[in-house]
Amino acid sequence: MKQEKNRSIIYIAVFIGLIMALSVIGFLWGGSEGKYRYGKFSFYYENGQWKTNVDGKILVFNILPDELQNITVPQEAIDLISDAKMLYITYEKSDVAEELAVAQYKLGINIETDTRFVVNSLAYENENNVPVITCSNATDLVPVIMMKRNETTNSITLNNNCITLEGNVNMLADRIVYSIYGIVK
């Protein structure tokens, strides 16, 4: 009787051990929804964002590249950003300022490099001493990226060294970064 009880305990322990081991294996091998491949680039999902490594730099995105291919980016705008040693990212006063600020921050982090400095600014007077920059400040050496939230359109335009992202700014910021790094042409 005692031997039978010990055997039952061993069977239960082995059964629980197998369930735990298979659960770990399933977790490690399953879940392909957290990984994505686009051309030669591998993306992984972490903390609610898509990330990829390009030449040692981790880029962070809200939207995957295949969802943004239909948005046209002027090549001159990409060349202007790529050649700039410094640029401003700014936005006008808005009731969606928090969304604009997050998009501005992420865009700045993604496009700043060892040779390109990004300054976040505002296009209106403010009490926090944030630099006031508008499209009128844009030059060929220091371009400006102006972000404007718009519910009806998504466009990226270039006019007098000012690149305007108008529409869903998070989506458009991702699209610019995909173009700069050659992920989407």
N, C-alpha and C. Protein backbone atom coordinates (compact mmCIF):
# COMPACT_ATOMS: atom_id res chain seq x y z
N MET A 1 0.82 -1.19 0.00
CA MET A 1 0.00 0.00 0.00
C MET A 1 0.87 1.26 0.00
N LYS A 2 1.91 1.26 0.87
CA LYS A 2 2.80 2.40 0.93
C LYS A 2 3.57 2.56 -0.37
N GLN A 3 3.97 1.44 -0.96
CA GLN A 3 4.70 1.46 -2.23
C GLN A 3 3.79 1.99 -3.34
N GLU A 4 2.52 1.63 -3.33
CA GLU A 4 1.56 2.10 -4.32
C GLU A 4 1.34 3.61 -4.18
N LYS A 5 1.30 4.12 -2.95
CA LYS A 5 1.12 5.55 -2.71
C LYS A 5 2.35 6.32 -3.21
N ASN A 6 3.54 5.80 -2.96
CA ASN A 6 4.78 6.44 -3.44
C ASN A 6 4.82 6.47 -4.96
N ARG A 7 4.37 5.39 -5.59
CA ARG A 7 4.34 5.32 -7.04
C ARG A 7 3.37 6.37 -7.61
N SER A 8 2.23 6.56 -6.97
CA SER A 8 1.25 7.58 -7.39
C SER A 8 1.85 8.98 -7.29
N ILE A 9 2.58 9.24 -6.22
CA ILE A 9 3.21 10.55 -6.04
C ILE A 9 4.26 10.78 -7.12
N ILE A 10 5.02 9.74 -7.45
CA ILE A 10 6.03 9.86 -8.50
C ILE A 10 5.36 10.14 -9.84
N TYR A 11 4.27 9.44 -10.15
CA TYR A 11 3.55 9.68 -11.41
C TYR A 11 3.01 11.11 -11.48
N ILE A 12 2.47 11.59 -10.39
CA ILE A 12 1.93 12.96 -10.36
C ILE A 12 3.07 13.97 -10.55
N ALA A 13 4.19 13.75 -9.88
CA ALA A 13 5.34 14.66 -9.99
C ALA A 13 5.87 14.67 -11.43
N VAL A 14 5.98 13.49 -12.06
CA VAL A 14 6.45 13.40 -13.44
C VAL A 14 5.46 14.10 -14.36
N PHE A 15 4.16 13.87 -14.14
CA PHE A 15 3.13 14.51 -14.97
C PHE A 15 3.22 16.03 -14.87
N ILE A 16 3.32 16.58 -13.67
CA ILE A 16 3.43 18.03 -13.48
C ILE A 16 4.72 18.55 -14.11
N GLY A 17 5.80 17.81 -13.94
CA GLY A 17 7.08 18.20 -14.56
C GLY A 17 6.98 18.27 -16.07
N LEU A 18 6.32 17.28 -16.69
CA LEU A 18 6.14 17.28 -18.14
C LEU A 18 5.30 18.48 -18.60
N ILE A 19 4.24 18.76 -17.89
CA ILE A 19 3.40 19.91 -18.24
C ILE A 19 4.21 21.19 -18.17
N MET A 20 5.00 21.35 -17.13
CA MET A 20 5.81 22.56 -16.99
C MET A 20 6.85 22.65 -18.11
N ALA A 21 7.52 21.55 -18.40
CA ALA A 21 8.54 21.55 -19.46
C ALA A 21 7.92 21.85 -20.82
N LEU A 22 6.79 21.24 -21.12
CA LEU A 22 6.12 21.49 -22.40
C LEU A 22 5.60 22.92 -22.50
N SER A 23 5.19 23.48 -21.38
CA SER A 23 4.74 24.87 -21.38
C SER A 23 5.88 25.81 -21.72
N VAL A 24 7.04 25.58 -21.13
CA VAL A 24 8.21 26.41 -21.42
C VAL A 24 8.63 26.25 -22.88
N ILE A 25 8.66 25.03 -23.38
CA ILE A 25 9.02 24.79 -24.78
C ILE A 25 8.02 25.48 -25.70
N GLY A 26 6.74 25.37 -25.41
CA GLY A 26 5.71 26.03 -26.22
C GLY A 26 5.85 27.53 -26.21
N PHE A 27 6.19 28.10 -25.07
CA PHE A 27 6.36 29.54 -24.97
C PHE A 27 7.57 29.99 -25.79
N LEU A 28 8.67 29.25 -25.69
CA LEU A 28 9.88 29.64 -26.42
C LEU A 28 9.76 29.43 -27.92
N TRP A 29 9.11 28.39 -28.35
CA TRP A 29 9.05 28.06 -29.78
C TRP A 29 7.82 28.62 -30.46
N GLY A 30 6.78 28.87 -29.72
CA GLY A 30 5.54 29.38 -30.31
C GLY A 30 5.55 30.89 -30.35
N GLY A 31 4.41 31.45 -30.62
CA GLY A 31 4.26 32.90 -30.56
C GLY A 31 4.95 33.65 -31.67
N SER A 32 4.81 33.22 -32.92
CA SER A 32 5.46 33.91 -34.03
C SER A 32 4.85 35.28 -34.27
N GLU A 33 3.73 35.61 -33.60
CA GLU A 33 3.12 36.91 -33.78
C GLU A 33 4.01 38.03 -33.25
N GLY A 34 5.03 37.73 -32.49
CA GLY A 34 5.96 38.73 -31.96
C GLY A 34 7.15 38.97 -32.86
N LYS A 35 7.18 38.31 -34.01
CA LYS A 35 8.29 38.47 -34.95
C LYS A 35 7.73 38.72 -36.34
N TYR A 36 8.49 39.49 -37.12
CA TYR A 36 8.04 39.87 -38.45
C TYR A 36 9.26 40.10 -39.32
N ARG A 37 9.18 39.70 -40.56
CA ARG A 37 10.29 39.89 -41.49
C ARG A 37 9.79 40.72 -42.67
N TYR A 38 10.58 41.74 -43.03
CA TYR A 38 10.27 42.59 -44.17
C TYR A 38 11.55 42.75 -44.96
N GLY A 39 11.62 42.12 -46.12
CA GLY A 39 12.86 42.13 -46.90
C GLY A 39 13.98 41.53 -46.09
N LYS A 40 15.06 42.26 -45.95
CA LYS A 40 16.20 41.75 -45.17
C LYS A 40 16.16 42.19 -43.71
N PHE A 41 15.06 42.82 -43.30
CA PHE A 41 14.95 43.35 -41.94
C PHE A 41 14.04 42.47 -41.08
N SER A 42 14.51 42.17 -39.88
CA SER A 42 13.74 41.40 -38.91
C SER A 42 13.23 42.34 -37.82
N PHE A 43 11.95 42.24 -37.53
CA PHE A 43 11.32 43.06 -36.51
C PHE A 43 10.89 42.15 -35.37
N TYR A 44 10.88 42.69 -34.17
CA TYR A 44 10.33 41.97 -33.03
C TYR A 44 9.46 42.93 -32.22
N TYR A 45 8.43 42.36 -31.59
CA TYR A 45 7.46 43.14 -30.85
C TYR A 45 7.84 43.12 -29.38
N GLU A 46 7.99 44.32 -28.80
CA GLU A 46 8.39 44.42 -27.41
C GLU A 46 7.79 45.68 -26.81
N ASN A 47 7.18 45.55 -25.67
CA ASN A 47 6.60 46.68 -24.94
C ASN A 47 5.65 47.51 -25.81
N GLY A 48 4.85 46.84 -26.62
CA GLY A 48 3.85 47.52 -27.42
C GLY A 48 4.38 48.23 -28.66
N GLN A 49 5.62 47.93 -29.05
CA GLN A 49 6.22 48.58 -30.21
C GLN A 49 7.02 47.57 -31.02
N TRP A 50 7.13 47.85 -32.31
CA TRP A 50 7.96 47.03 -33.20
C TRP A 50 9.36 47.62 -33.22
N LYS A 51 10.36 46.74 -33.17
CA LYS A 51 11.75 47.19 -33.15
C LYS A 51 12.56 46.40 -34.17
N THR A 52 13.57 47.06 -34.72
CA THR A 52 14.52 46.39 -35.59
C THR A 52 15.89 47.01 -35.37
N ASN A 53 16.92 46.28 -35.74
CA ASN A 53 18.29 46.74 -35.60
C ASN A 53 18.84 47.04 -36.99
N VAL A 54 19.26 48.29 -37.20
CA VAL A 54 19.86 48.68 -38.48
C VAL A 54 21.25 49.22 -38.17
N ASP A 55 22.25 48.50 -38.60
CA ASP A 55 23.65 48.90 -38.40
C ASP A 55 23.95 49.23 -36.94
N GLY A 56 23.43 48.43 -36.02
CA GLY A 56 23.70 48.61 -34.60
C GLY A 56 22.78 49.58 -33.90
N LYS A 57 21.88 50.24 -34.61
CA LYS A 57 20.93 51.17 -34.00
C LYS A 57 19.57 50.51 -33.91
N ILE A 58 18.99 50.50 -32.72
CA ILE A 58 17.65 49.95 -32.53
C ILE A 58 16.64 51.04 -32.90
N LEU A 59 15.81 50.75 -33.89
CA LEU A 59 14.76 51.66 -34.32
C LEU A 59 13.43 51.16 -33.77
N VAL A 60 12.57 52.09 -33.36
CA VAL A 60 11.30 51.76 -32.73
C VAL A 60 10.16 52.31 -33.58
N PHE A 61 9.13 51.46 -33.81
CA PHE A 61 8.02 51.82 -34.67
C PHE A 61 6.69 51.45 -34.04
N ASN A 62 5.64 52.17 -34.46
CA ASN A 62 4.27 51.82 -34.09
C ASN A 62 3.65 50.89 -35.12
N ILE A 63 4.05 51.08 -36.39
CA ILE A 63 3.39 50.41 -37.50
C ILE A 63 4.43 49.70 -38.36
N LEU A 64 4.08 48.52 -38.83
CA LEU A 64 5.00 47.75 -39.68
C LEU A 64 5.10 48.36 -41.07
N PRO A 65 6.22 48.14 -41.76
CA PRO A 65 6.48 48.82 -43.04
C PRO A 65 5.49 48.50 -44.15
N ASP A 66 4.99 47.28 -44.23
CA ASP A 66 4.08 46.94 -45.34
C ASP A 66 2.76 47.71 -45.25
N GLU A 67 2.42 48.23 -44.07
CA GLU A 67 1.20 49.00 -43.92
C GLU A 67 1.36 50.47 -44.35
N LEU A 68 2.61 50.87 -44.63
CA LEU A 68 2.89 52.27 -44.94
C LEU A 68 3.45 52.49 -46.35
N GLN A 69 3.54 51.44 -47.13
CA GLN A 69 4.15 51.54 -48.45
C GLN A 69 3.42 52.50 -49.38
N ASN A 70 2.13 52.68 -49.17
CA ASN A 70 1.34 53.51 -50.08
C ASN A 70 1.50 55.01 -49.81
N ILE A 71 2.21 55.39 -48.76
CA ILE A 71 2.45 56.81 -48.47
C ILE A 71 3.72 57.24 -49.18
N THR A 72 3.60 58.23 -50.03
CA THR A 72 4.74 58.71 -50.81
C THR A 72 5.59 59.67 -49.99
N VAL A 73 6.89 59.48 -50.07
CA VAL A 73 7.84 60.36 -49.41
C VAL A 73 8.74 60.96 -50.49
N PRO A 74 8.78 62.29 -50.60
CA PRO A 74 9.67 62.90 -51.60
C PRO A 74 11.13 62.53 -51.33
N GLN A 75 11.81 62.03 -52.33
CA GLN A 75 13.21 61.65 -52.17
C GLN A 75 14.05 62.84 -51.71
N GLU A 76 13.70 64.04 -52.18
CA GLU A 76 14.44 65.24 -51.76
C GLU A 76 14.35 65.45 -50.25
N ALA A 77 13.21 65.08 -49.65
CA ALA A 77 13.05 65.21 -48.20
C ALA A 77 13.98 64.24 -47.47
N ILE A 78 14.07 63.03 -47.97
CA ILE A 78 14.95 62.02 -47.37
C ILE A 78 16.40 62.46 -47.51
N ASP A 79 16.76 62.96 -48.68
CA ASP A 79 18.14 63.44 -48.91
C ASP A 79 18.46 64.60 -47.97
N LEU A 80 17.50 65.51 -47.80
CA LEU A 80 17.70 66.67 -46.93
C LEU A 80 17.96 66.22 -45.49
N ILE A 81 17.17 65.29 -45.00
CA ILE A 81 17.36 64.78 -43.63
C ILE A 81 18.68 64.02 -43.53
N SER A 82 18.95 63.17 -44.51
CA SER A 82 20.16 62.35 -44.47
C SER A 82 21.43 63.19 -44.49
N ASP A 83 21.40 64.32 -45.21
CA ASP A 83 22.58 65.18 -45.32
C ASP A 83 22.71 66.17 -44.17
N ALA A 84 21.66 66.37 -43.40
CA ALA A 84 21.66 67.38 -42.34
C ALA A 84 22.55 66.96 -41.17
N LYS A 85 23.25 67.94 -40.63
CA LYS A 85 24.03 67.72 -39.40
C LYS A 85 23.18 68.06 -38.18
N MET A 86 22.14 68.87 -38.42
CA MET A 86 21.22 69.27 -37.36
C MET A 86 19.86 69.52 -38.00
N LEU A 87 18.80 69.21 -37.28
CA LEU A 87 17.46 69.55 -37.76
C LEU A 87 16.53 69.75 -36.59
N TYR A 88 15.46 70.47 -36.86
CA TYR A 88 14.43 70.73 -35.85
C TYR A 88 13.20 69.89 -36.18
N ILE A 89 12.54 69.40 -35.12
CA ILE A 89 11.23 68.79 -35.25
C ILE A 89 10.29 69.63 -34.40
N THR A 90 9.20 70.10 -35.00
CA THR A 90 8.33 71.04 -34.32
C THR A 90 6.87 70.74 -34.61
N TYR A 91 5.98 71.35 -33.85
CA TYR A 91 4.55 71.25 -34.12
C TYR A 91 3.85 72.47 -33.56
N GLU A 92 2.71 72.79 -34.17
CA GLU A 92 1.90 73.94 -33.76
C GLU A 92 1.05 73.57 -32.55
N LYS A 93 0.55 74.59 -31.88
CA LYS A 93 -0.32 74.38 -30.71
C LYS A 93 -1.52 73.54 -31.13
N SER A 94 -1.88 72.56 -30.30
CA SER A 94 -2.92 71.62 -30.68
C SER A 94 -3.56 71.01 -29.45
N ASP A 95 -4.80 70.55 -29.62
CA ASP A 95 -5.46 69.85 -28.52
C ASP A 95 -4.98 68.40 -28.42
N VAL A 96 -4.16 67.95 -29.36
CA VAL A 96 -3.56 66.61 -29.30
C VAL A 96 -2.04 66.74 -29.10
N ALA A 97 -1.65 67.71 -28.28
CA ALA A 97 -0.22 68.00 -28.06
C ALA A 97 0.54 66.79 -27.52
N GLU A 98 -0.10 66.00 -26.68
CA GLU A 98 0.60 64.83 -26.12
C GLU A 98 0.95 63.84 -27.23
N GLU A 99 0.02 63.58 -28.13
CA GLU A 99 0.28 62.68 -29.25
C GLU A 99 1.41 63.23 -30.13
N LEU A 100 1.38 64.52 -30.39
CA LEU A 100 2.42 65.15 -31.20
C LEU A 100 3.78 65.07 -30.51
N ALA A 101 3.79 65.29 -29.20
CA ALA A 101 5.05 65.25 -28.45
C ALA A 101 5.66 63.85 -28.46
N VAL A 102 4.83 62.82 -28.33
CA VAL A 102 5.33 61.45 -28.37
C VAL A 102 5.90 61.13 -29.75
N ALA A 103 5.18 61.51 -30.80
CA ALA A 103 5.66 61.28 -32.16
C ALA A 103 6.96 62.05 -32.41
N GLN A 104 7.03 63.28 -31.93
CA GLN A 104 8.22 64.10 -32.07
C GLN A 104 9.42 63.43 -31.39
N TYR A 105 9.22 62.98 -30.17
CA TYR A 105 10.28 62.33 -29.41
C TYR A 105 10.79 61.07 -30.12
N LYS A 106 9.86 60.19 -30.51
CA LYS A 106 10.26 58.94 -31.16
C LYS A 106 10.95 59.20 -32.49
N LEU A 107 10.44 60.14 -33.27
CA LEU A 107 11.08 60.47 -34.54
C LEU A 107 12.49 60.97 -34.30
N GLY A 108 12.65 61.85 -33.32
CA GLY A 108 13.98 62.38 -33.00
C GLY A 108 14.96 61.29 -32.60
N ILE A 109 14.52 60.38 -31.74
CA ILE A 109 15.38 59.27 -31.30
C ILE A 109 15.79 58.41 -32.50
N ASN A 110 14.84 58.14 -33.40
CA ASN A 110 15.12 57.27 -34.54
C ASN A 110 16.04 57.91 -35.57
N ILE A 111 15.95 59.22 -35.77
CA ILE A 111 16.77 59.81 -36.84
C ILE A 111 18.05 60.46 -36.34
N GLU A 112 18.18 60.65 -35.03
CA GLU A 112 19.42 61.20 -34.51
C GLU A 112 20.52 60.16 -34.63
N THR A 113 21.70 60.59 -35.05
CA THR A 113 22.84 59.70 -35.19
C THR A 113 24.06 60.38 -34.56
N ASP A 114 25.21 59.74 -34.69
CA ASP A 114 26.46 60.35 -34.20
C ASP A 114 26.80 61.61 -34.97
N THR A 115 26.30 61.73 -36.19
CA THR A 115 26.62 62.88 -37.03
C THR A 115 25.41 63.78 -37.31
N ARG A 116 24.25 63.47 -36.74
CA ARG A 116 23.04 64.28 -36.95
C ARG A 116 22.39 64.56 -35.60
N PHE A 117 22.29 65.84 -35.27
CA PHE A 117 21.70 66.28 -34.01
C PHE A 117 20.28 66.75 -34.25
N VAL A 118 19.35 66.31 -33.41
CA VAL A 118 17.94 66.67 -33.54
C VAL A 118 17.53 67.53 -32.34
N VAL A 119 16.85 68.64 -32.64
CA VAL A 119 16.34 69.52 -31.58
C VAL A 119 14.82 69.51 -31.65
N ASN A 120 14.19 69.09 -30.55
CA ASN A 120 12.73 69.16 -30.46
C ASN A 120 12.35 70.58 -30.08
N SER A 121 11.36 71.11 -30.78
CA SER A 121 10.95 72.49 -30.57
C SER A 121 9.44 72.60 -30.69
N LEU A 122 8.93 73.80 -30.52
CA LEU A 122 7.51 74.08 -30.69
C LEU A 122 7.37 75.23 -31.67
N ALA A 123 6.25 75.29 -32.37
CA ALA A 123 6.01 76.35 -33.35
C ALA A 123 5.20 77.48 -32.75
N TYR A 124 5.22 77.61 -31.44
CA TYR A 124 4.46 78.67 -30.76
C TYR A 124 5.17 79.06 -29.47
N GLU A 125 4.92 80.29 -29.05
CA GLU A 125 5.48 80.78 -27.79
C GLU A 125 4.99 79.88 -26.66
N ASN A 126 5.89 79.60 -25.72
CA ASN A 126 5.53 78.71 -24.62
C ASN A 126 6.24 79.17 -23.36
N GLU A 127 5.74 78.74 -22.23
CA GLU A 127 6.30 79.16 -20.94
C GLU A 127 7.44 78.28 -20.47
N ASN A 128 7.78 77.24 -21.23
CA ASN A 128 8.83 76.31 -20.81
C ASN A 128 10.17 76.57 -21.47
N ASN A 129 10.29 77.68 -22.18
CA ASN A 129 11.53 78.05 -22.86
C ASN A 129 11.98 77.02 -23.90
N VAL A 130 11.03 76.29 -24.47
CA VAL A 130 11.33 75.39 -25.58
C VAL A 130 11.54 76.28 -26.81
N PRO A 131 12.58 76.00 -27.61
CA PRO A 131 12.82 76.84 -28.79
C PRO A 131 11.58 76.93 -29.69
N VAL A 132 11.31 78.14 -30.18
CA VAL A 132 10.18 78.37 -31.07
C VAL A 132 10.73 78.32 -32.50
N ILE A 133 10.32 77.30 -33.24
CA ILE A 133 10.80 77.08 -34.60
C ILE A 133 9.60 76.81 -35.50
N THR A 134 9.58 77.46 -36.63
CA THR A 134 8.54 77.23 -37.64
C THR A 134 9.23 76.92 -38.97
N CYS A 135 8.43 76.70 -39.99
CA CYS A 135 8.99 76.44 -41.31
C CYS A 135 9.81 77.61 -41.83
N SER A 136 9.55 78.81 -41.36
CA SER A 136 10.32 79.98 -41.81
C SER A 136 11.77 79.92 -41.34
N ASN A 137 12.08 79.08 -40.36
CA ASN A 137 13.45 78.91 -39.88
C ASN A 137 14.23 77.87 -40.67
N ALA A 138 13.59 77.14 -41.55
CA ALA A 138 14.24 76.04 -42.27
C ALA A 138 15.27 76.56 -43.27
N THR A 139 16.42 75.89 -43.30
CA THR A 139 17.46 76.17 -44.29
C THR A 139 17.92 74.85 -44.89
N ASP A 140 18.74 74.92 -45.93
CA ASP A 140 19.23 73.68 -46.51
C ASP A 140 20.22 72.98 -45.58
N LEU A 141 20.85 73.73 -44.67
CA LEU A 141 21.77 73.12 -43.70
C LEU A 141 21.05 72.64 -42.44
N VAL A 142 19.98 73.33 -42.05
CA VAL A 142 19.21 72.97 -40.86
C VAL A 142 17.73 72.93 -41.24
N PRO A 143 17.28 71.79 -41.76
CA PRO A 143 15.87 71.68 -42.14
C PRO A 143 14.95 71.58 -40.92
N VAL A 144 13.67 71.74 -41.18
CA VAL A 144 12.65 71.65 -40.14
C VAL A 144 11.65 70.57 -40.55
N ILE A 145 11.26 69.75 -39.59
CA ILE A 145 10.15 68.82 -39.79
C ILE A 145 8.98 69.35 -38.98
N MET A 146 7.91 69.72 -39.67
CA MET A 146 6.70 70.25 -39.04
C MET A 146 5.65 69.15 -38.98
N MET A 147 5.13 68.88 -37.79
CA MET A 147 4.11 67.86 -37.61
C MET A 147 2.75 68.52 -37.41
N LYS A 148 1.76 68.05 -38.18
CA LYS A 148 0.40 68.57 -38.07
C LYS A 148 -0.57 67.40 -38.03
N ARG A 149 -1.38 67.34 -37.00
CA ARG A 149 -2.39 66.28 -36.88
C ARG A 149 -3.57 66.62 -37.75
N ASN A 150 -4.02 65.65 -38.55
CA ASN A 150 -5.14 65.85 -39.46
C ASN A 150 -5.87 64.52 -39.56
N GLU A 151 -7.16 64.53 -39.42
CA GLU A 151 -7.96 63.30 -39.43
C GLU A 151 -8.30 62.81 -40.84
N THR A 152 -8.15 63.66 -41.85
CA THR A 152 -8.64 63.29 -43.17
C THR A 152 -7.57 62.99 -44.20
N THR A 153 -6.32 63.28 -43.92
CA THR A 153 -5.28 63.08 -44.92
C THR A 153 -4.01 62.56 -44.27
N ASN A 154 -3.17 61.94 -45.05
CA ASN A 154 -1.83 61.55 -44.64
C ASN A 154 -0.89 61.92 -45.77
N SER A 155 -0.05 62.92 -45.52
CA SER A 155 0.86 63.33 -46.58
C SER A 155 2.18 63.82 -45.99
N ILE A 156 3.21 63.65 -46.78
CA ILE A 156 4.54 64.15 -46.46
C ILE A 156 4.96 65.03 -47.62
N THR A 157 5.20 66.32 -47.33
CA THR A 157 5.55 67.26 -48.39
C THR A 157 6.83 68.00 -48.01
N LEU A 158 7.47 68.56 -49.02
CA LEU A 158 8.68 69.35 -48.83
C LEU A 158 8.48 70.69 -49.51
N ASN A 159 8.72 71.76 -48.76
CA ASN A 159 8.61 73.11 -49.31
C ASN A 159 9.63 74.00 -48.61
N ASN A 160 10.59 74.53 -49.35
CA ASN A 160 11.60 75.44 -48.81
C ASN A 160 12.31 74.87 -47.59
N ASN A 161 12.80 73.64 -47.70
CA ASN A 161 13.57 72.96 -46.65
C ASN A 161 12.75 72.61 -45.41
N CYS A 162 11.43 72.70 -45.52
CA CYS A 162 10.54 72.31 -44.42
C CYS A 162 9.76 71.08 -44.87
N ILE A 163 9.91 70.01 -44.11
CA ILE A 163 9.21 68.76 -44.40
C ILE A 163 7.97 68.73 -43.50
N THR A 164 6.80 68.68 -44.11
CA THR A 164 5.56 68.68 -43.33
C THR A 164 4.95 67.29 -43.32
N LEU A 165 4.72 66.79 -42.12
CA LEU A 165 4.01 65.53 -41.92
C LEU A 165 2.60 65.91 -41.48
N GLU A 166 1.62 65.69 -42.35
CA GLU A 166 0.26 66.08 -42.03
C GLU A 166 -0.66 64.87 -42.07
N GLY A 167 -1.27 64.57 -40.93
CA GLY A 167 -2.17 63.43 -40.83
C GLY A 167 -1.94 62.72 -39.52
N ASN A 168 -1.87 61.39 -39.58
CA ASN A 168 -1.54 60.57 -38.41
C ASN A 168 -0.03 60.67 -38.21
N VAL A 169 0.40 61.52 -37.30
CA VAL A 169 1.82 61.84 -37.18
C VAL A 169 2.67 60.65 -36.77
N ASN A 170 2.14 59.74 -35.96
CA ASN A 170 2.91 58.55 -35.59
C ASN A 170 3.18 57.69 -36.82
N MET A 171 2.18 57.52 -37.64
CA MET A 171 2.32 56.73 -38.86
C MET A 171 3.29 57.41 -39.82
N LEU A 172 3.16 58.71 -40.00
CA LEU A 172 4.02 59.43 -40.94
C LEU A 172 5.46 59.50 -40.45
N ALA A 173 5.65 59.61 -39.13
CA ALA A 173 7.00 59.59 -38.57
C ALA A 173 7.66 58.23 -38.84
N ASP A 174 6.90 57.16 -38.65
CA ASP A 174 7.43 55.83 -38.96
C ASP A 174 7.81 55.73 -40.44
N ARG A 175 6.96 56.27 -41.30
CA ARG A 175 7.21 56.18 -42.74
C ARG A 175 8.49 56.92 -43.12
N ILE A 176 8.73 58.08 -42.53
CA ILE A 176 9.97 58.83 -42.78
C ILE A 176 11.19 58.00 -42.37
N VAL A 177 11.13 57.41 -41.20
CA VAL A 177 12.26 56.62 -40.69
C VAL A 177 12.51 55.41 -41.59
N TYR A 178 11.44 54.73 -42.02
CA TYR A 178 11.62 53.60 -42.94
C TYR A 178 12.35 54.03 -44.21
N SER A 179 12.05 55.22 -44.70
CA SER A 179 12.71 55.72 -45.91
C SER A 179 14.16 56.10 -45.65
N ILE A 180 14.43 56.76 -44.54
CA ILE A 180 15.80 57.19 -44.24
C ILE A 180 16.74 55.99 -44.17
N TYR A 181 16.28 54.90 -43.56
CA TYR A 181 17.14 53.73 -43.38
C TYR A 181 17.01 52.71 -44.51
N GLY A 182 16.28 53.05 -45.55
CA GLY A 182 16.16 52.16 -46.72
C GLY A 182 15.34 50.92 -46.50
N ILE A 183 14.50 50.93 -45.48
CA ILE A 183 13.65 49.78 -45.22
C ILE A 183 12.51 49.74 -46.23
N VAL A 184 11.91 50.91 -46.49
CA VAL A 184 10.90 51.08 -47.52
C VAL A 184 11.38 52.20 -48.43
N LYS A 185 11.34 51.97 -49.71
CA LYS A 185 11.78 52.99 -50.67
C LYS A 185 10.70 53.97 -50.95
